Protein backbone atom coordinates (compact mmCIF):
# COMPACT_ATOMS: atom_id res chain seq x y z
CA MET A 1 46.19 30.79 -10.19
CA GLU A 2 43.11 31.29 -12.31
CA LEU A 3 42.96 27.57 -12.90
CA LEU A 4 43.13 26.94 -9.15
CA LEU A 5 40.32 29.39 -8.46
CA SER A 6 38.21 27.85 -11.17
CA PHE A 7 38.74 24.39 -9.71
CA ALA A 8 37.86 25.71 -6.24
CA GLY A 9 34.69 27.26 -7.64
CA CYS A 10 33.67 23.94 -9.18
CA LEU A 11 34.13 22.19 -5.88
CA ALA A 12 32.14 24.81 -3.93
CA VAL A 13 28.79 23.97 -5.52
CA PRO A 14 28.78 20.22 -4.73
CA ILE A 15 30.20 20.89 -1.25
CA VAL A 16 27.38 23.33 -0.51
CA GLY A 17 24.92 20.83 -1.88
CA VAL A 18 26.27 18.06 0.38
CA VAL A 19 26.16 20.42 3.38
CA LEU A 20 22.52 21.31 2.67
CA VAL A 21 21.54 17.65 2.28
CA LEU A 22 23.28 16.72 5.52
CA LEU A 23 21.58 19.66 7.27
CA ALA A 24 18.17 18.53 5.95
CA VAL A 25 18.83 14.96 7.12
CA TRP A 26 19.89 16.25 10.55
CA ILE A 27 16.72 18.37 10.88
CA ILE A 28 14.48 15.45 9.83
CA ARG A 29 16.21 13.10 12.27
CA LEU A 30 16.02 15.72 15.04
CA ASN A 31 12.29 16.17 14.42
CA LYS A 32 11.78 12.39 14.35
CA ASP A 33 13.67 11.99 17.62
CA ASP A 34 11.68 14.83 19.16
CA THR A 35 8.40 13.22 18.09
CA LYS A 36 9.50 9.86 19.43
CA LYS A 37 10.53 11.44 22.73
CA ARG A 38 7.20 13.31 22.98
CA HIS A 39 5.24 10.10 22.31
CA GLN A 40 7.21 8.27 25.02
CA GLU A 41 6.72 11.09 27.50
CA ARG A 42 3.02 11.27 26.72
CA PHE A 43 2.66 7.50 27.07
CA GLU A 44 4.32 7.60 30.48
CA LYS A 45 2.22 10.55 31.55
CA ILE A 46 -1.10 9.14 30.44
CA SER A 47 -0.26 5.75 32.01
CA ALA A 48 0.40 7.45 35.33
CA LEU A 49 -2.78 9.55 35.00
CA ARG A 50 -4.91 6.50 34.27
CA LYS A 51 -3.66 4.85 37.47
CA ARG A 52 -4.48 7.74 39.75
CA GLY A 53 -7.15 9.68 37.81
CA VAL A 54 -10.45 9.25 36.05
CA THR A 55 -11.66 9.34 32.45
CA ALA A 56 -14.66 11.55 31.89
CA PRO A 57 -16.69 13.17 29.10
CA ALA A 58 -16.27 16.86 28.33
CA VAL A 59 -18.03 19.42 26.14
CA VAL A 60 -15.75 21.63 23.98
CA LEU A 61 -16.32 25.29 24.53
CA SER A 62 -13.55 26.43 22.16
CA VAL A 63 -10.30 25.25 20.58
CA LYS A 64 -7.21 26.89 19.24
CA ASN A 65 -4.85 25.42 16.66
CA GLY A 66 -1.20 25.08 17.51
CA PHE A 67 1.85 23.57 15.91
CA SER A 68 1.48 20.55 13.58
CA THR A 69 4.13 17.89 13.09
CA GLY A 70 4.63 14.42 11.63
CA ARG A 71 4.65 12.82 8.21
CA SER A 72 1.69 11.90 6.06
CA GLY A 73 -0.58 9.37 7.79
CA ASN A 74 0.96 10.10 11.19
CA GLN A 75 0.40 13.78 11.77
CA GLU A 76 -0.41 15.47 15.07
CA THR A 77 -1.52 18.96 15.98
CA GLN A 78 -1.09 20.73 19.29
CA ILE A 79 -4.56 21.97 20.38
CA THR A 80 -5.57 24.22 23.25
CA PHE A 81 -8.99 23.13 24.54
CA GLN A 82 -11.42 25.11 26.63
CA LEU A 83 -13.81 22.55 28.13
CA GLU A 84 -16.61 21.85 30.53
CA VAL A 85 -15.70 18.51 32.06
CA GLN A 86 -18.70 16.46 33.19
CA PRO A 87 -17.52 13.60 35.44
CA GLU A 88 -20.13 11.10 36.57
CA GLY A 89 -21.13 11.61 40.22
CA ARG A 90 -19.11 14.84 40.49
CA ALA A 91 -19.73 18.51 39.82
CA ALA A 92 -18.96 19.76 36.32
CA PHE A 93 -16.10 22.24 36.00
CA GLN A 94 -14.49 24.34 33.27
CA THR A 95 -10.81 24.22 32.40
CA THR A 96 -8.31 24.95 29.67
CA PHE A 97 -5.52 22.55 28.72
CA GLN A 98 -3.23 21.77 25.82
CA ASP A 99 -2.49 18.43 24.20
CA TRP A 100 -1.52 16.75 20.92
CA VAL A 101 -4.33 15.19 18.88
CA PRO A 102 -4.21 13.07 15.68
CA GLY A 103 -4.33 14.92 12.36
CA ARG A 104 -2.54 17.83 10.68
CA GLY A 105 -4.53 20.98 11.33
CA TYR A 106 -7.89 20.95 13.03
CA LYS A 107 -10.49 20.12 10.38
CA HIS A 108 -13.66 20.67 12.38
CA ARG A 109 -13.13 24.09 13.99
CA ALA A 110 -16.45 25.42 12.70
CA ASP A 111 -18.32 22.63 14.46
CA ASP A 112 -16.31 22.46 17.69
CA GLU A 113 -18.62 24.22 20.15
CA GLY A 114 -20.67 21.57 21.87
CA ARG A 115 -18.56 18.70 20.57
CA LYS A 116 -18.03 15.88 23.05
CA ILE A 117 -14.60 14.44 23.83
CA TRP A 118 -13.17 12.29 26.62
CA VAL A 119 -10.30 13.31 28.85
CA THR A 120 -8.34 11.72 31.69
CA TYR A 121 -7.38 13.95 34.60
CA ASP A 122 -5.96 13.90 38.15
CA LEU A 123 -8.73 14.17 40.76
CA ASN A 124 -6.44 16.18 43.05
CA ASP A 125 -4.99 18.40 40.30
CA THR A 126 -7.29 19.06 37.38
CA SER A 127 -4.54 20.89 35.53
CA GLN A 128 -3.08 17.42 34.91
CA MET A 129 -5.29 16.45 32.03
CA MET A 130 -4.89 14.46 28.78
CA PHE A 131 -7.02 14.14 25.64
CA GLU A 132 -8.22 10.56 25.15
CA TYR A 133 -10.55 10.47 22.13
CA TYR A 134 -13.56 12.02 20.44
CA ASP A 135 -16.90 10.61 21.53
CA VAL A 136 -17.63 9.45 17.95
CA ASP A 137 -14.61 7.15 18.22
CA ARG A 138 -15.54 5.73 21.61
CA LYS A 139 -17.41 2.64 20.41
CA HIS A 140 -14.59 1.66 18.09
CA LEU A 141 -11.76 2.26 20.56
CA LEU A 142 -13.42 0.38 23.40
CA GLY A 143 -15.19 -2.36 21.42
CA ARG A 144 -12.72 -3.18 18.67
CA PRO A 145 -10.14 -4.98 20.86
CA ALA A 146 -12.91 -7.27 22.17
CA PHE A 147 -14.06 -7.99 18.60
CA ASP A 148 -10.51 -8.76 17.46
CA LYS A 149 -10.09 -11.18 20.39
CA LEU A 150 -13.38 -12.82 19.48
CA GLU A 151 -12.39 -13.07 15.82
CA ASN A 152 -9.14 -14.85 16.74
CA ARG A 153 -11.20 -17.46 18.59
CA ASN A 154 -13.64 -17.70 15.68
CA LYS A 155 -10.83 -18.47 13.23
CA VAL A 156 -10.07 -21.61 15.26
CA ILE A 157 -13.76 -22.60 15.39
CA ARG A 158 -14.06 -22.23 11.62
CA LYS A 159 -11.30 -24.84 11.24
CA THR A 160 -12.24 -27.26 14.01
CA GLY A 161 -15.93 -26.65 14.83
CA GLU A 162 -19.08 -28.48 13.83
CA GLU A 163 -21.30 -27.07 11.08
CA ALA A 164 -24.99 -26.34 11.66
CA LEU A 165 -27.86 -24.53 10.03
CA ALA A 166 -29.12 -21.42 11.80
CA ILE A 167 -31.83 -18.74 11.47
CA ILE A 168 -30.93 -15.10 12.17
CA LEU A 169 -33.25 -13.70 14.85
CA GLU A 170 -31.76 -10.23 15.32
CA THR A 171 -29.01 -8.05 13.81
CA GLU A 172 -27.21 -4.96 15.03
CA ASP A 173 -24.53 -2.72 13.53
CA LEU A 174 -21.92 -2.46 16.28
CA GLU A 175 -20.23 0.54 14.62
CA LEU A 176 -16.76 -0.88 15.23
CA THR A 177 -15.37 -0.77 11.70
CA ASN A 178 -12.35 1.47 11.13
CA ILE A 179 -12.12 4.04 8.32
CA VAL A 180 -10.53 1.65 5.82
CA GLU A 181 -13.14 -1.04 6.42
CA LYS A 182 -16.08 1.35 6.43
CA GLU A 183 -15.20 3.71 3.60
CA TYR A 184 -12.96 1.74 1.26
CA LEU A 185 -13.72 -1.94 1.81
CA ALA A 186 -17.44 -1.22 2.56
CA GLN A 187 -17.68 -3.67 5.45
CA THR A 188 -19.71 -3.63 8.67
CA ILE A 189 -19.24 -5.46 11.96
CA MET A 190 -22.58 -7.00 12.90
CA ARG A 191 -23.95 -8.69 15.99
CA LEU A 192 -26.12 -11.65 15.08
CA LYS A 193 -28.55 -13.41 17.36
CA LEU A 194 -29.09 -16.93 16.06
CA GLU A 195 -31.30 -19.99 16.54
CA ILE A 196 -28.98 -22.90 15.77
CA THR A 197 -30.08 -26.40 14.86
CA PRO A 198 -27.23 -28.89 15.29
CA THR A 199 -27.24 -32.12 13.28
CA ASN A 200 -27.45 -34.00 16.59
CA GLY A 201 -29.23 -32.09 19.34
CA SER A 202 -31.98 -29.64 20.10
CA PRO A 203 -32.15 -26.12 18.69
CA TYR A 204 -30.69 -23.38 20.88
CA GLN A 205 -29.94 -19.67 20.74
CA ALA A 206 -26.54 -17.95 20.73
CA GLU A 207 -24.90 -14.72 19.54
CA THR A 208 -21.84 -13.99 17.45
CA GLN A 209 -20.17 -11.09 15.70
CA ALA A 210 -18.95 -10.96 12.13
CA LEU A 211 -17.38 -8.57 9.62
CA ILE A 212 -19.68 -8.60 6.58
CA ALA A 213 -19.40 -6.89 3.21
CA ASN A 214 -22.10 -4.25 2.83
CA ALA A 215 -23.09 -5.69 -0.54
CA SER A 216 -23.99 -8.98 1.19
CA LEU A 217 -25.81 -7.56 4.24
CA HIS A 218 -29.17 -8.49 2.73
CA LYS A 219 -28.17 -12.15 3.03
CA TYR A 220 -27.71 -11.75 6.78
CA ALA A 221 -30.90 -9.94 7.69
CA ALA A 222 -33.34 -11.18 10.37
CA GLY A 223 -35.17 -14.30 9.14
CA LYS A 224 -32.38 -15.42 6.79
CA LYS A 225 -30.79 -18.86 7.04
CA VAL A 226 -27.03 -19.21 7.41
CA TYR A 227 -24.47 -21.87 8.08
CA VAL A 228 -22.44 -21.53 11.27
CA LYS A 229 -19.78 -23.51 13.07
CA PHE A 230 -19.77 -24.04 16.80
CA ASN A 231 -17.46 -25.44 19.43
CA PRO A 232 -18.90 -28.84 20.45
CA GLN A 233 -17.34 -28.40 23.91
CA ASP A 234 -19.11 -25.05 24.38
CA LYS A 235 -22.02 -24.54 22.00
CA THR A 236 -22.29 -20.83 22.87
CA GLN A 237 -19.01 -20.30 20.97
CA VAL A 238 -20.38 -19.81 17.48
CA THR A 239 -18.99 -18.21 14.33
CA LEU A 240 -20.71 -17.29 11.07
CA ASP A 241 -19.55 -19.44 8.17
CA ARG A 242 -21.63 -18.52 5.10
CA SER A 243 -25.06 -17.68 3.80
CA ALA A 244 -27.48 -20.54 3.11
CA GLU A 245 -28.78 -18.76 0.00
């Protein structure tokens, strides 16, 4: 009998361990499924709001932290915003709404008052409102897809286009780099206005955009010479190739 009880006791520990592991796996999976469901529901809701509503700037009056969820690199926090919404061509109004925003915890609470964000809401029911993005992210979120599309075209031109010498007339930081590019890779997306001199043909002006390492920006300042490639069928399609220095 004692031997049987001892054997049962030995089995109890691993059984409890297995149960705890299974319980942990179940909780993680449940949380993952809940997050996925919430993302799907939010996507459907924001898609419907965008069709019938408007996107407008708003000034943050106050915020309150809520529940945080998600794994490292993909966290979200539920935030309650008190806002003054300032739609173009319409009267400003104040409202309070709740939504999930990227990040675990709200890192800028001390600086929130007066901060500008963008929201999408139903014109006929302002309680139907969704957080879109912070104003500081607006240029990147709206301009980056256009740059990526342009860069895909430029990759083709680099392979098939004609080479020409060009002089940089103007430069502008478009502020479209993401955090990795800006802070870790130290790169900047620049707009370059060029005067291009083809091997056969008259000089002409065109613009392009390029992702340039910050350490090399001095080579692409106004007045510098560079080599570009252009589409001979449409000379306005130009891509930066390399510095002439």
